[in-house]
């Protein structure tokens, strides 16, 4: 029972992050500036998702066929954070152009 509860909590965490990142990407797109964004923060979040995804693959008790949806949310969030990383570099380029 505790195992299922832990999975539910992990999925809730991933869903909450999953809703937050697209909003962050939209905000960054509209802002057209990298000011206030931290490249290190974005990279640390990506590293965290890589660790989470890898943990599923190396965990001998993780049943991929029955728990694929957990990995789905990890990958979806990783893609959203990667989009935020792309927005960071786009906005940094816009900042440089505006400063010239």
Protein backbone atom coordinates (compact mmCIF):
# COMPACT_ATOMS: atom_id res chain seq x y z
CA UNK A 1 0.00 0.00 0.00
CA UNK A 2 2.81 2.45 0.86
CA UNK A 3 4.40 1.75 -2.52
CA UNK A 4 1.25 2.84 -4.36
CA UNK A 5 0.94 5.95 -2.18
CA UNK A 6 4.55 6.88 -2.96
CA UNK A 7 3.85 6.46 -6.69
CA UNK A 8 0.75 8.64 -6.46
CA UNK A 9 2.75 11.35 -4.71
CA UNK A 10 5.48 11.15 -7.36
CA UNK A 11 2.89 11.47 -10.13
CA UNK A 12 1.27 14.46 -8.39
CA UNK A 13 4.70 16.12 -8.18
CA UNK A 14 5.35 15.46 -11.87
CA UNK A 15 1.92 16.76 -12.89
CA UNK A 16 2.37 19.95 -10.85
CA UNK A 17 5.75 20.56 -12.43
CA UNK A 18 4.26 19.58 -15.78
CA UNK A 19 1.68 22.35 -15.54
CA UNK A 20 4.22 24.89 -14.31
CA UNK A 21 6.83 24.53 -17.06
CA UNK A 22 4.61 25.33 -20.07
CA UNK A 23 3.46 28.49 -18.26
CA UNK A 24 7.10 29.39 -17.64
CA UNK A 25 7.98 28.81 -21.30
CA UNK A 26 5.07 31.01 -22.46
CA UNK A 27 6.12 33.73 -20.02
CA UNK A 28 9.71 33.58 -21.29
CA UNK A 29 8.52 33.71 -24.90
CA UNK A 30 6.41 36.81 -24.25
CA UNK A 31 9.08 38.51 -22.10
CA UNK A 32 11.68 38.41 -24.90
CA UNK A 33 14.46 38.80 -22.34
CA UNK A 34 16.71 36.44 -20.42
CA UNK A 35 16.98 38.89 -17.54
CA UNK A 36 16.04 37.22 -14.28
CA UNK A 37 16.54 33.71 -15.70
CA UNK A 38 19.30 31.44 -14.46
CA UNK A 39 20.99 29.09 -16.90
CA UNK A 40 22.41 27.10 -13.97
CA UNK A 41 18.94 26.65 -12.46
CA UNK A 42 17.52 25.33 -15.74
CA UNK A 43 20.49 22.97 -16.17
CA UNK A 44 20.12 21.66 -12.61
CA UNK A 45 16.43 20.94 -13.21
CA UNK A 46 17.32 19.07 -16.42
CA UNK A 47 19.97 17.11 -14.54
CA UNK A 48 17.37 16.23 -11.90
CA UNK A 49 14.99 14.90 -14.53
CA UNK A 50 17.80 12.90 -16.13
CA UNK A 51 18.55 11.38 -12.71
CA UNK A 52 14.85 10.61 -12.16
CA UNK A 53 14.50 8.96 -15.58
CA UNK A 54 17.73 6.99 -15.10
CA UNK A 55 16.59 5.83 -11.66
CA UNK A 56 13.56 4.19 -13.26
CA UNK A 57 15.72 2.29 -15.75
CA UNK A 58 18.22 1.03 -13.15
CA UNK A 59 15.60 0.15 -10.49
CA UNK A 60 15.08 -3.63 -10.71
CA UNK A 61 11.65 -3.28 -9.08
CA UNK A 62 10.32 -0.79 -11.62
CA UNK A 63 7.87 -2.56 -13.93
CA UNK A 64 8.11 -0.65 -17.20
CA UNK A 65 5.09 -2.35 -18.76
CA UNK A 66 2.82 -1.47 -15.84
CA UNK A 67 4.30 1.91 -14.84
CA UNK A 68 5.10 3.50 -18.20
CA UNK A 69 3.00 6.55 -17.31
CA UNK A 70 5.51 7.65 -14.66
CA UNK A 71 8.28 7.77 -17.26
CA UNK A 72 5.90 9.54 -19.64
CA UNK A 73 5.56 12.43 -17.19
CA UNK A 74 9.31 12.53 -16.56
CA UNK A 75 9.99 12.75 -20.30
CA UNK A 76 7.22 15.31 -20.83
CA UNK A 77 8.65 17.54 -18.10
CA UNK A 78 12.16 17.09 -19.48
CA UNK A 79 10.90 18.31 -22.87
CA UNK A 80 9.22 21.33 -21.26
CA UNK A 81 12.37 22.30 -19.36
CA UNK A 82 14.37 21.82 -22.57
CA UNK A 83 11.97 24.24 -24.28
CA UNK A 84 12.62 26.70 -21.44
CA UNK A 85 16.35 26.27 -22.06
CA UNK A 86 15.83 27.08 -25.74
CA UNK A 87 13.80 30.17 -24.75
CA UNK A 88 16.68 31.24 -22.51
CA UNK A 89 19.15 31.19 -25.41
CA UNK A 90 16.64 32.84 -27.76
CA UNK A 91 15.99 35.61 -25.26
CA UNK A 92 19.68 36.05 -24.54
CA UNK A 93 20.23 36.58 -28.27
CA UNK A 94 17.40 39.14 -28.31
CA UNK A 95 18.99 40.90 -25.31
CA UNK A 96 22.33 41.12 -27.14
CA UNK A 97 20.63 42.51 -30.26
CA UNK A 98 18.77 45.11 -28.18
CA UNK A 99 22.00 46.20 -26.48
CA UNK A 100 23.79 46.82 -29.79
